PDB file of N, CA and C in Angstrom:
ATOM      1  N   TYR A   1     107.133-120.192-164.451  1.00  0.00           N
ATOM      2  CA  TYR A   1     108.282-120.708-163.725  1.00  0.00           C
ATOM      3  C   TYR A   1     107.917-120.918-162.258  1.00  0.00           C
ATOM      4  N   THR A   2     108.193-122.083-161.754  1.00  0.00           N
ATOM      5  CA  THR A   2     107.990-122.365-160.331  1.00  0.00           C
ATOM      6  C   THR A   2     109.298-122.870-159.768  1.00  0.00           C
ATOM      7  N   SER A   3     109.701-122.285-158.687  1.00  0.00           N
ATOM      8  CA  SER A   3     110.968-122.686-158.086  1.00  0.00           C
ATOM      9  C   SER A   3     110.754-123.837-157.113  1.00  0.00           C
ATOM     10  N   PRO A   4     111.777-124.645-156.908  1.00  0.00           N
ATOM     11  CA  PRO A   4     111.665-125.736-155.931  1.00  0.00           C
ATOM     12  C   PRO A   4     111.370-125.217-154.531  1.00  0.00           C
ATOM     13  N   ALA A   5     111.885-124.044-154.213  1.00  0.00           N
ATOM     14  CA  ALA A   5     111.641-123.479-152.881  1.00  0.00           C
ATOM     15  C   ALA A   5     110.152-123.201-152.680  1.00  0.00           C
ATOM     16  N   LEU A   6     109.490-122.674-153.719  1.00  0.00           N
ATOM     17  CA  LEU A   6     108.054-122.409-153.615  1.00  0.00           C
ATOM     18  C   LEU A   6     107.274-123.707-153.455  1.00  0.00           C
ATOM     19  N   ILE A   7     107.669-124.726-154.204  1.00  0.00           N
ATOM     20  CA  ILE A   7     106.990-126.020-154.096  1.00  0.00           C
ATOM     21  C   ILE A   7     107.148-126.577-152.689  1.00  0.00           C
ATOM     22  N   GLN A   8     108.353-126.460-152.140  1.00  0.00           N
ATOM     23  CA  GLN A   8     108.587-126.947-150.779  1.00  0.00           C
ATOM     24  C   GLN A   8     107.725-126.187-149.778  1.00  0.00           C
ATOM     25  N   LYS A   9     107.604-124.868-149.967  1.00  0.00           N
ATOM     26  CA  LYS A   9     106.773-124.074-149.061  1.00  0.00           C
ATOM     27  C   LYS A   9     105.317-124.518-149.128  1.00  0.00           C
ATOM     28  N   VAL A  10     104.832-124.753-150.346  1.00  0.00           N
ATOM     29  CA  VAL A  10     103.437-125.168-150.504  1.00  0.00           C
ATOM     30  C   VAL A  10     103.206-126.498-149.809  1.00  0.00           C
ATOM     31  N   PHE A  11     104.106-127.463-150.033  1.00  0.00           N
ATOM     32  CA  PHE A  11     103.938-128.760-149.392  1.00  0.00           C
ATOM     33  C   PHE A  11     104.073-128.649-147.878  1.00  0.00           C
ATOM     34  N   ALA A  12     104.966-127.799-147.414  1.00  0.00           N
ATOM     35  CA  ALA A  12     105.106-127.612-145.968  1.00  0.00           C
ATOM     36  C   ALA A  12     103.822-127.036-145.381  1.00  0.00           C
ATOM     37  N   ASN A  13     103.232-126.064-146.078  1.00  0.00           N
ATOM     38  CA  ASN A  13     101.977-125.481-145.603  1.00  0.00           C
ATOM     39  C   ASN A  13     100.836-126.490-145.657  1.00  0.00           C
ATOM     40  N   MET A  14     100.826-127.309-146.690  1.00  0.00           N
ATOM     41  CA  MET A  14      99.785-128.326-146.786  1.00  0.00           C
ATOM     42  C   MET A  14      99.943-129.358-145.668  1.00  0.00           C
ATOM     43  N   ARG A  15     101.188-129.719-145.345  1.00  0.00           N
ATOM     44  CA  ARG A  15     101.428-130.643-144.243  1.00  0.00           C
ATOM     45  C   ARG A  15     100.972-130.025-142.932  1.00  0.00           C
ATOM     46  N   ARG A  16     101.232-128.722-142.804  1.00  0.00           N
ATOM     47  CA  ARG A  16     100.884-128.031-141.571  1.00  0.00           C
ATOM     48  C   ARG A  16      99.381-128.071-141.325  1.00  0.00           C
ATOM     49  N   VAL A  17      98.603-127.998-142.364  1.00  0.00           N
ATOM     50  CA  VAL A  17      97.153-128.049-142.205  1.00  0.00           C
ATOM     51  C   VAL A  17      96.602-129.441-142.492  1.00  0.00           C
ATOM     52  N   ASP A  18      97.463-130.443-142.442  1.00  0.00           N
ATOM     53  CA  ASP A  18      97.098-131.860-142.556  1.00  0.00           C
ATOM     54  C   ASP A  18      96.484-132.241-143.896  1.00  0.00           C
ATOM     55  N   HIS A  19      96.964-131.687-145.004  1.00  0.00           N
ATOM     56  CA  HIS A  19      96.499-132.128-146.312  1.00  0.00           C
ATOM     57  C   HIS A  19      97.393-133.208-146.900  1.00  0.00           C
ATOM     58  N   ILE A  20      98.632-133.265-146.462  1.00  0.00           N
ATOM     59  CA  ILE A  20      99.580-134.258-146.957  1.00  0.00           C
ATOM     60  C   ILE A  20     100.190-134.940-145.754  1.00  0.00           C
ATOM     61  N   PRO A  21     100.295-136.273-145.770  1.00  0.00           N
ATOM     62  CA  PRO A  21     100.889-136.946-144.612  1.00  0.00           C
ATOM     63  C   PRO A  21     102.361-136.609-144.483  1.00  0.00           C
ATOM     64  N   THR A  22     102.825-136.515-143.273  1.00  0.00           N
ATOM     65  CA  THR A  22     104.230-136.237-143.022  1.00  0.00           C
ATOM     66  C   THR A  22     104.969-137.541-142.830  1.00  0.00           C
ATOM     67  N   SER A  23     106.259-137.485-142.978  1.00  0.00           N
ATOM     68  CA  SER A  23     107.076-138.674-142.763  1.00  0.00           C
ATOM     69  C   SER A  23     107.137-138.966-141.268  1.00  0.00           C
ATOM     70  N   PRO A  24     107.454-140.212-140.868  1.00  0.00           N
ATOM     71  CA  PRO A  24     107.494-140.542-139.439  1.00  0.00           C
ATOM     72  C   PRO A  24     108.506-139.703-138.663  1.00  0.00           C
ATOM     73  N   GLN A  25     109.610-139.279-139.290  1.00  0.00           N
ATOM     74  CA  GLN A  25     110.611-138.485-138.586  1.00  0.00           C
ATOM     75  C   GLN A  25     110.084-137.086-138.278  1.00  0.00           C
ATOM     76  N   ALA A  26     109.201-136.574-139.124  1.00  0.00           N
ATOM     77  CA  ALA A  26     108.708-135.208-138.946  1.00  0.00           C
ATOM     78  C   ALA A  26     107.503-135.139-138.017  1.00  0.00           C
ATOM     79  N   GLN A  27     106.987-136.288-137.569  1.00  0.00           N
ATOM     80  CA  GLN A  27     105.832-136.305-136.683  1.00  0.00           C
ATOM     81  C   GLN A  27     106.199-135.713-135.329  1.00  0.00           C
ATOM     82  N   PRO A  28     105.336-134.892-134.742  1.00  0.00           N
ATOM     83  CA  PRO A  28     105.617-134.368-133.406  1.00  0.00           C
ATOM     84  C   PRO A  28     105.544-135.494-132.375  1.00  0.00           C
ATOM     85  N   ALA A  29     106.237-135.326-131.263  1.00  0.00           N
ATOM     86  CA  ALA A  29     106.288-136.344-130.222  1.00  0.00           C
ATOM     87  C   ALA A  29     104.934-136.509-129.545  1.00  0.00           C
ATOM     88  N   THR A  30     104.148-135.431-129.447  1.00  0.00           N
ATOM     89  CA  THR A  30     102.846-135.509-128.791  1.00  0.00           C
ATOM     90  C   THR A  30     101.793-135.925-129.809  1.00  0.00           C
ATOM     91  N   PRO A  31     100.811-136.703-129.401  1.00  0.00           N
ATOM     92  CA  PRO A  31      99.768-137.117-130.344  1.00  0.00           C
ATOM     93  C   PRO A  31      98.884-135.926-130.703  1.00  0.00           C
ATOM     94  N   PRO A  32      98.318-135.927-131.910  1.00  0.00           N
ATOM     95  CA  PRO A  32      97.443-134.813-132.302  1.00  0.00           C
ATOM     96  C   PRO A  32      96.174-134.806-131.467  1.00  0.00           C
ATOM     97  N   ALA A  33      95.558-133.633-131.359  1.00  0.00           N
ATOM     98  CA  ALA A  33      94.360-133.469-130.541  1.00  0.00           C
ATOM     99  C   ALA A  33      93.175-134.217-131.140  1.00  0.00           C
ATOM    100  N   SER A  34      93.091-134.257-132.472  1.00  0.00           N
ATOM    101  CA  SER A  34      91.989-134.964-133.117  1.00  0.00           C
ATOM    102  C   SER A  34      92.472-136.347-133.546  1.00  0.00           C
ATOM    103  N   PRO A  35      91.555-137.288-133.733  1.00  0.00           N
ATOM    104  CA  PRO A  35      91.981-138.622-134.161  1.00  0.00           C
ATOM    105  C   PRO A  35      92.571-138.560-135.566  1.00  0.00           C
ATOM    106  N   PRO A  36      93.577-139.381-135.840  1.00  0.00           N
ATOM    107  CA  PRO A  36      94.203-139.347-137.170  1.00  0.00           C
ATOM    108  C   PRO A  36      93.200-139.750-138.245  1.00  0.00           C
ATOM    109  N   GLN A  37      93.322-139.088-139.392  1.00  0.00           N
ATOM    110  CA  GLN A  37      92.425-139.367-140.499  1.00  0.00           C
ATOM    111  C   GLN A  37      93.207-140.062-141.604  1.00  0.00           C
ATOM    112  N   GLU A  38      92.506-140.821-142.422  1.00  0.00           N
ATOM    113  CA  GLU A  38      93.144-141.478-143.556  1.00  0.00           C
ATOM    114  C   GLU A  38      93.629-140.402-144.523  1.00  0.00           C
ATOM    115  N   GLN A  39      94.883-140.504-144.936  1.00  0.00           N
ATOM    116  CA  GLN A  39      95.455-139.557-145.876  1.00  0.00           C
ATOM    117  C   GLN A  39      95.850-140.306-147.143  1.00  0.00           C
ATOM    118  N   PRO A  40      95.588-139.734-148.301  1.00  0.00           N
ATOM    119  CA  PRO A  40      96.008-140.413-149.530  1.00  0.00           C
ATOM    120  C   PRO A  40      97.530-140.410-149.620  1.00  0.00           C
ATOM    121  N   THR A  41      98.069-141.512-150.114  1.00  0.00           N
ATOM    122  CA  THR A  41      99.526-141.598-150.216  1.00  0.00           C
ATOM    123  C   THR A  41     100.020-141.096-151.554  1.00  0.00           C
ATOM    124  N   GLU A  42      99.158-141.018-152.552  1.00  0.00           N
ATOM    125  CA  GLU A  42      99.551-140.524-153.862  1.00  0.00           C
ATOM    126  C   GLU A  42      98.705-139.302-154.203  1.00  0.00           C
ATOM    127  N   THR A  43      99.274-138.444-155.044  1.00  0.00           N
ATOM    128  CA  THR A  43      98.539-137.266-155.478  1.00  0.00           C
ATOM    129  C   THR A  43      97.463-137.699-156.460  1.00  0.00           C
ATOM    130  N   SER A  44      96.235-137.380-156.164  1.00  0.00           N
ATOM    131  CA  SER A  44      95.148-137.743-157.074  1.00  0.00           C
ATOM    132  C   SER A  44      95.054-136.711-158.185  1.00  0.00           C
ATOM    133  N   GLU A  45      94.385-137.103-159.242  1.00  0.00           N
ATOM    134  CA  GLU A  45      94.240-136.213-160.395  1.00  0.00           C
ATOM    135  C   GLU A  45      93.494-134.933-160.026  1.00  0.00           C
ATOM    136  N   SER A  46      92.567-135.009-159.094  1.00  0.00           N
ATOM    137  CA  SER A  46      91.775-133.833-158.747  1.00  0.00           C
ATOM    138  C   SER A  46      92.576-132.816-157.937  1.00  0.00           C
ATOM    139  N   SER A  47      93.657-133.258-157.298  1.00  0.00           N
ATOM    140  CA  SER A  47      94.428-132.316-156.489  1.00  0.00           C
ATOM    141  C   SER A  47      95.485-131.573-157.299  1.00  0.00           C
ATOM    142  N   ILE A  48      95.759-131.994-158.522  1.00  0.00           N
ATOM    143  CA  ILE A  48      96.766-131.312-159.344  1.00  0.00           C
ATOM    144  C   ILE A  48      96.325-129.889-159.689  1.00  0.00           C
ATOM    145  N   PRO A  49      95.076-129.661-160.132  1.00  0.00           N
ATOM    146  CA  PRO A  49      94.664-128.264-160.372  1.00  0.00           C
ATOM    147  C   PRO A  49      94.730-127.417-159.101  1.00  0.00           C
ATOM    148  N   LEU A  50      94.377-128.020-157.981  1.00  0.00           N
ATOM    149  CA  LEU A  50      94.459-127.297-156.716  1.00  0.00           C
ATOM    150  C   LEU A  50      95.906-126.933-156.406  1.00  0.00           C
ATOM    151  N   LEU A  51      96.802-127.879-156.629  1.00  0.00           N
ATOM    152  CA  LEU A  51      98.223-127.622-156.391  1.00  0.00           C
ATOM    153  C   LEU A  51      98.731-126.510-157.303  1.00  0.00           C
ATOM    154  N   ASN A  52      98.327-126.540-158.578  1.00  0.00           N
ATOM    155  CA  ASN A  52      98.732-125.479-159.508  1.00  0.00           C
ATOM    156  C   ASN A  52      98.190-124.128-159.065  1.00  0.00           C
ATOM    157  N   THR A  53      96.943-124.112-158.616  1.00  0.00           N
ATOM    158  CA  THR A  53      96.352-122.870-158.117  1.00  0.00           C
ATOM    159  C   THR A  53      97.115-122.371-156.895  1.00  0.00           C
ATOM    160  N   LEU A  54      97.452-123.291-155.999  1.00  0.00           N
ATOM    161  CA  LEU A  54      98.217-122.906-154.808  1.00  0.00           C
ATOM    162  C   LEU A  54      99.586-122.359-155.181  1.00  0.00           C
ATOM    163  N   LEU A  55     100.237-122.997-156.145  1.00  0.00           N
ATOM    164  CA  LEU A  55     101.555-122.512-156.578  1.00  0.00           C
ATOM    165  C   LEU A  55     101.455-121.122-157.200  1.00  0.00           C
ATOM    166  N   GLU A  56     100.434-120.916-158.025  1.00  0.00           N
ATOM    167  CA  GLU A  56     100.242-119.596-158.631  1.00  0.00           C
ATOM    168  C   GLU A  56      99.964-118.546-157.562  1.00  0.00           C
ATOM    169  N   THR A  57      99.122-118.893-156.603  1.00  0.00           N
ATOM    170  CA  THR A  57      98.804-117.967-155.513  1.00  0.00           C
ATOM    171  C   THR A  57     100.045-117.659-154.697  1.00  0.00           C
ATOM    172  N   CYS A  58     100.823-118.688-154.415  1.00  0.00           N
ATOM    173  CA  CYS A  58     102.053-118.497-153.645  1.00  0.00           C
ATOM    174  C   CYS A  58     103.023-117.591-154.396  1.00  0.00           C
ATOM    175  N   ALA A  59     103.161-117.818-155.700  1.00  0.00           N
ATOM    176  CA  ALA A  59     104.058-116.985-156.503  1.00  0.00           C
ATOM    177  C   ALA A  59     103.572-115.539-156.532  1.00  0.00           C
ATOM    178  N   THR A  60     102.264-115.353-156.690  1.00  0.00           N
ATOM    179  CA  THR A  60     101.697-114.002-156.710  1.00  0.00           C
ATOM    180  C   THR A  60     101.920-113.296-155.380  1.00  0.00           C
ATOM    181  N   LEU A  61     101.659-114.007-154.294  1.00  0.00           N
ATOM    182  CA  LEU A  61     101.844-113.404-152.970  1.00  0.00           C
ATOM    183  C   LEU A  61     103.312-113.108-152.696  1.00  0.00           C
ATOM    184  N   SER A  62     104.193-113.991-153.133  1.00  0.00           N
ATOM    185  CA  SER A  62     105.627-113.747-152.954  1.00  0.00           C
ATOM    186  C   SER A  62     106.051-112.492-153.705  1.00  0.00           C
ATOM    187  N   GLN A  63     105.516-112.320-154.917  1.00  0.00           N
ATOM    188  CA  GLN A  63     105.825-111.127-155.702  1.00  0.00           C
ATOM    189  C   GLN A  63     105.304-109.872-155.001  1.00  0.00           C
ATOM    190  N   LYS A  64     104.094-109.950-154.460  1.00  0.00           N
ATOM    191  CA  LYS A  64     103.528-108.796-153.752  1.00  0.00           C
ATOM    192  C   LYS A  64     104.345-108.458-152.513  1.00  0.00           C
ATOM    193  N   VAL A  65     104.813-109.482-151.807  1.00  0.00           N
ATOM    194  CA  VAL A  65     105.655-109.251-150.627  1.00  0.00           C
ATOM    195  C   VAL A  65     106.936-108.545-151.042  1.00  0.00           C
ATOM    196  N   ALA A  66     107.550-109.006-152.128  1.00  0.00           N
ATOM    197  CA  ALA A  66     108.784-108.376-152.605  1.00  0.00           C
ATOM    198  C   ALA A  66     108.531-106.915-152.980  1.00  0.00           C
ATOM    199  N   GLU A  67     107.406-106.648-153.638  1.00  0.00           N
ATOM    200  CA  GLU A  67     107.074-105.271-154.010  1.00  0.00           C
ATOM    201  C   GLU A  67     106.844-104.406-152.774  1.00  0.00           C
ATOM    202  N   LEU A  68     106.158-104.942-151.778  1.00  0.00           N
ATOM    203  CA  LEU A  68     105.919-104.184-150.547  1.00  0.00           C
ATOM    204  C   LEU A  68     107.216-103.910-149.797  1.00  0.00           C
ATOM    205  N   GLU A  69     108.123-104.882-149.793  1.00  0.00           N
ATOM    206  CA  GLU A  69     109.420-104.663-149.146  1.00  0.00           C
ATOM    207  C   GLU A  69     110.191-103.569-149.865  1.00  0.00           C
ATOM    208  N   GLN A  70     110.120-103.558-151.205  1.00  0.00           N
ATOM    209  CA  GLN A  70     110.784-102.515-151.981  1.00  0.00           C
ATOM    210  C   GLN A  70     110.165-101.153-151.668  1.00  0.00           C
ATOM    211  N   ASP A  71     108.841-101.085-151.606  1.00  0.00           N
ATOM    212  CA  ASP A  71     108.163 -99.829-151.259  1.00  0.00           C
ATOM    213  C   ASP A  71     108.576 -99.358-149.869  1.00  0.00           C
ATOM    214  N   LYS A  72     108.661-100.287-148.933  1.00  0.00           N
ATOM    215  CA  LYS A  72     109.058 -99.953-147.561  1.00  0.00           C
ATOM    216  C   LYS A  72     110.468 -99.361-147.547  1.00  0.00           C
ATOM    217  N   ASN A  73     111.389 -99.982-148.290  1.00  0.00           N
ATOM    218  CA  ASN A  73     112.759 -99.474-148.344  1.00  0.00           C
ATOM    219  C   ASN A  73     112.815 -98.099-148.998  1.00  0.00           C
ATOM    220  N   THR A  74     112.048 -97.915-150.059  1.00  0.00           N
ATOM    221  CA  THR A  74     112.007 -96.615-150.734  1.00  0.00           C
ATOM    222  C   THR A  74     111.472 -95.538-149.793  1.00  0.00           C
ATOM    223  N   GLN A  75     110.422 -95.862-149.061  1.00  0.00           N
ATOM    224  CA  GLN A  75     109.849 -94.903-148.117  1.00  0.00           C
ATOM    225  C   GLN A  75     110.813 -94.604-146.976  1.00  0.00           C
ATOM    226  N   ALA A  76     111.551 -95.613-146.519  1.00  0.00           N
ATOM    227  CA  ALA A  76     112.522 -95.394-145.445  1.00  0.00           C
ATOM    228  C   ALA A  76     113.616 -94.438-145.910  1.00  0.00           C
ATOM    229  N   LEU A  77     114.083 -94.605-147.149  1.00  0.00           N
ATOM    230  CA  LEU A  77     115.096 -93.688-147.683  1.00  0.00           C
ATOM    231  C   LEU A  77     114.544 -92.270-147.794  1.00  0.00           C
ATOM    232  N   GLU A  78     113.319 -92.150-148.236  1.00  0.00           N
ATOM    233  CA  GLU A  78     112.695 -90.828-148.352  1.00  0.00           C
ATOM    234  C   GLU A  78     112.565 -90.172-146.983  1.00  0.00           C
ATOM    235  N   ILE A  79     112.202 -90.937-145.970  1.00  0.00           N
ATOM    236  CA  ILE A  79     112.091 -90.410-144.605  1.00  0.00           C
ATOM    237  C   ILE A  79     113.445 -89.918-144.119  1.00  0.00           C
ATOM    238  N   ILE A  80     114.497 -90.686-144.381  1.00  0.00           N
ATOM    239  CA  ILE A  80     115.846 -90.281-143.968  1.00  0.00           C
ATOM    240  C   ILE A  80     116.226 -88.968-144.642  1.00  0.00           C
ATOM    241  N   LYS A  81     115.955 -88.864-145.948  1.00  0.00           N
ATOM    242  CA  LYS A  81     116.273 -87.630-146.676  1.00  0.00           C
ATOM    243  C   LYS A  81     115.503 -86.440-146.104  1.00  0.00           C
ATOM    244  N   LEU A  82     114.225 -86.651-145.804  1.00  0.00           N
ATOM    245  CA  LEU A  82     113.415 -85.558-145.261  1.00  0.00           C
ATOM    246  C   LEU A  82     113.880 -85.146-143.870  1.00  0.00           C
ATOM    247  N   LYS A  83     114.281 -86.110-143.046  1.00  0.00           N
ATOM    248  CA  LYS A  83     114.789 -85.780-141.713  1.00  0.00           C
ATOM    249  C   LYS A  83     116.071 -84.962-141.815  1.00  0.00           C
ATOM    250  N   LYS A  84     116.957 -85.334-142.746  1.00  0.00           N
ATOM    251  CA  LYS A  84     118.185 -84.558-142.941  1.00  0.00           C
ATOM    252  C   LYS A  84     117.857 -83.138-143.384  1.00  0.00           C
ATOM    253  N   ARG A  85     116.866 -83.030-144.273  1.00  0.00           N
ATOM    254  CA  ARG A  85     116.477 -81.705-144.763  1.00  0.00           C
ATOM    255  C   ARG A  85     115.917 -80.850-143.631  1.00  0.00           C
ATOM    256  N   VAL A  86     115.088 -81.452-142.774  1.00  0.00           N
ATOM    257  CA  VAL A  86     114.517 -80.726-141.631  1.00  0.00           C
ATOM    258  C   VAL A  86     115.625 -80.248-140.708  1.00  0.00           C
ATOM    259  N   LYS A  87     116.590 -81.127-140.399  1.00  0.00           N
ATOM    260  CA  LYS A  87     117.700 -80.731-139.526  1.00  0.00           C
ATOM    261  C   LYS A  87     118.492 -79.582-140.136  1.00  0.00           C
ATOM    262  N   LYS A  88     118.727 -79.670-141.438  1.00  0.00           N
ATOM    263  CA  LYS A  88     119.475 -78.612-142.118  1.00  0.00           C
ATOM    264  C   LYS A  88     118.719 -77.282-142.036  1.00  0.00           C
ATOM    265  N   LEU A  89     117.415 -77.328-142.264  1.00  0.00           N
ATOM    266  CA  LEU A  89     116.617 -76.102-142.201  1.00  0.00           C
ATOM    267  C   LEU A  89     116.538 -75.560-140.775  1.00  0.00           C
ATOM    268  N   GLU A  90     116.436 -76.454-139.791  1.00  0.00           N
ATOM    269  CA  GLU A  90     116.413 -76.004-138.396  1.00  0.00           C
ATOM    270  C   GLU A  90     117.737 -75.358-138.014  1.00  0.00           C
ATOM    271  N   LYS A  91     118.840 -75.951-138.474  1.00  0.00           N
ATOM    272  CA  LYS A  91     120.155 -75.359-138.203  1.00  0.00           C
ATOM    273  C   LYS A  91     120.258 -73.978-138.831  1.00  0.00           C
ATOM    274  N   LYS A  92     119.823 -73.892-140.079  1.00  0.00           N
ATOM    275  CA  LYS A  92     119.877 -72.619-140.792  1.00  0.00           C
ATOM    276  C   LYS A  92     119.023 -71.575-140.076  1.00  0.00           C
ATOM    277  N   LYS A  93     117.853 -71.985-139.620  1.00  0.00           N
ATOM    278  CA  LYS A  93     116.953 -71.068-138.925  1.00  0.00           C
ATOM    279  C   LYS A  93     117.562 -70.612-137.601  1.00  0.00           C
ATOM    280  N   SER A  94     118.141 -71.558-136.853  1.00  0.00           N
ATOM    281  CA  SER A  94     118.719 -71.189-135.555  1.00  0.00           C
ATOM    282  C   SER A  94     119.945 -70.296-135.737  1.00  0.00           C
ATOM    283  N   LYS A  95     120.720 -70.520-136.780  1.00  0.00           N
ATOM    284  CA  LYS A  95     121.885 -69.661-137.031  1.00  0.00           C
ATOM    285  C   LYS A  95     121.446 -68.251-137.384  1.00  0.00           C
ATOM    286  N   SER A  96     120.429 -68.151-138.226  1.00  0.00           N
ATOM    287  CA  SER A  96     119.993 -66.817-138.632  1.00  0.00           C
ATOM    288  C   SER A  96     119.347 -66.080-137.466  1.00  0.00           C
ATOM    289  N   SER A  97     118.598 -66.781-136.631  1.00  0.00           N
ATOM    290  CA  SER A  97     117.965 -66.099-135.505  1.00  0.00           C
ATOM    291  C   SER A  97     118.997 -65.754-134.437  1.00  0.00           C
ATOM    292  N   SER A  98     119.958 -66.647-134.206  1.00  0.00           N
ATOM    293  CA  SER A  98     120.983 -66.328-133.208  1.00  0.00           C
ATOM    294  C   SER A  98     121.907 -65.238-133.732  1.00  0.00           C
ATOM    295  N   PHE A  99     122.127 -65.194-135.043  1.00  0.00           N
ATOM    296  CA  PHE A  99     122.946 -64.132-135.608  1.00  0.00           C
ATOM    297  C   PHE A  99     122.264 -62.787-135.393  1.00  0.00           C
ATOM    298  N   GLY A 100     120.978 -62.735-135.566  1.00  0.00           N
ATOM    299  CA  GLY A 100     120.242 -61.494-135.357  1.00  0.00           C
ATOM    300  C   GLY A 100     120.310 -61.053-133.911  1.00  0.00           C
ATOM    301  N   VAL A 101     120.223 -61.957-132.963  1.00  0.00           N
ATOM    302  CA  VAL A 101     120.307 -61.634-131.541  1.00  0.00           C
ATOM    303  C   VAL A 101     121.707 -61.148-131.211  1.00  0.00           C
ATOM    304  N   ASP A 102     122.722 -61.866-131.705  1.00  0.00           N
ATOM    305  CA  ASP A 102     124.106 -61.468-131.441  1.00  0.00           C
ATOM    306  C   ASP A 102     124.415 -60.102-132.042  1.00  0.00           C
ATOM    307  N   ALA A 103     123.921 -59.844-133.239  1.00  0.00           N
ATOM    308  CA  ALA A 103     124.174 -58.556-133.880  1.00  0.00           C
ATOM    309  C   ALA A 103     123.518 -57.431-133.084  1.00  0.00           C
ATOM    310  N   ALA A 104     122.296 -57.660-132.614  1.00  0.00           N
ATOM    311  CA  ALA A 104     121.606 -56.646-131.821  1.00  0.00           C
ATOM    312  C   ALA A 104     122.323 -56.430-130.500  1.00  0.00           C
ATOM    313  N   LYS A 105     122.818 -57.500-129.899  1.00  0.00           N
ATOM    314  CA  LYS A 105     123.552 -57.404-128.635  1.00  0.00           C
ATOM    315  C   LYS A 105     124.837 -56.589-128.830  1.00  0.00           C
ATOM    316  N   ASP A 106     125.563 -56.912-129.909  1.00  0.00           N
ATOM    317  CA  ASP A 106     126.798 -56.164-130.199  1.00  0.00           C
ATOM    318  C   ASP A 106     126.497 -54.692-130.454  1.00  0.00           C
ATOM    319  N   PHE A 107     125.431 -54.406-131.163  1.00  0.00           N
ATOM    320  CA  PHE A 107     125.061 -53.028-131.446  1.00  0.00           C
ATOM    321  C   PHE A 107     124.750 -52.281-130.156  1.00  0.00           C
ATOM    322  N   MET A 108     123.994 -52.920-129.257  1.00  0.00           N
ATOM    323  CA  MET A 108     123.644 -52.290-127.983  1.00  0.00           C
ATOM    324  C   MET A 108     124.890 -52.048-127.139  1.00  0.00           C
ATOM    325  N   GLU A 109     125.803 -53.006-127.103  1.00  0.00           N
ATOM    326  CA  GLU A 109     127.032 -52.826-126.326  1.00  0.00           C
ATOM    327  C   GLU A 109     127.858 -51.678-126.890  1.00  0.00           C
ATOM    328  N   THR A 110     127.898 -51.576-128.203  1.00  0.00           N
ATOM    329  CA  THR A 110     128.646 -50.493-128.839  1.00  0.00           C
ATOM    330  C   THR A 110     128.007 -49.149-128.510  1.00  0.00           C
ATOM    331  N   MET A 111     126.704 -49.079-128.534  1.00  0.00           N
ATOM    332  CA  MET A 111     126.009 -47.835-128.245  1.00  0.00           C
ATOM    333  C   MET A 111     126.190 -47.431-126.786  1.00  0.00           C
ATOM    334  N   LEU A 112     126.163 -48.384-125.870  1.00  0.00           N
ATOM    335  CA  LEU A 112     126.293 -48.086-124.453  1.00  0.00           C
ATOM    336  C   LEU A 112     127.722 -47.709-124.081  1.00  0.00           C
ATOM    337  N   SER A 113     128.690 -48.271-124.779  1.00  0.00           N
ATOM    338  CA  SER A 113     130.081 -47.974-124.437  1.00  0.00           C
ATOM    339  C   SER A 113     130.496 -46.590-124.928  1.00  0.00           C
ATOM    340  N   ASP A 114     129.801 -46.004-125.840  1.00  0.00           N
ATOM    341  CA  ASP A 114     130.155 -44.670-126.346  1.00  0.00           C
ATOM    342  C   ASP A 114     129.773 -43.613-125.416  1.00  0.00           C
TER     343      ASP A 114
END
C-alpha cells in the first residue's frame, strides 16, 4: 500500500534535488546557481524501479519514525511515573525524619520541664 501523501513527498524530494522538473509557478524567483540541465518530461521505464525503491524506503522510514515517536512517548510516561515515585519517597523520608526529630524534641522538653 502506498498513500498519495507518500508519493507527493517523494516527488517533492525529487524536485528538491532536481530530478523532476518543477512547474513554472513553483520555480523560485532567483535563478539557480548552476546552469539549467535538460530534464525528461516523461517518466522513463528505467526510473520506475527507482521510484518503487524510493517509495518503499520512504514507507519504511516513515514506519521507523512512527515507532521511534511511540518509544519516545512511552519513555516520557515512564520518566513522569518515576519522578512521581521519587517525590513520594522523598516526602515519606522527610516526614519520617522530621517525625523523629519532633519526637525527640518533645521528649527532651518533657524531661526538662519535670
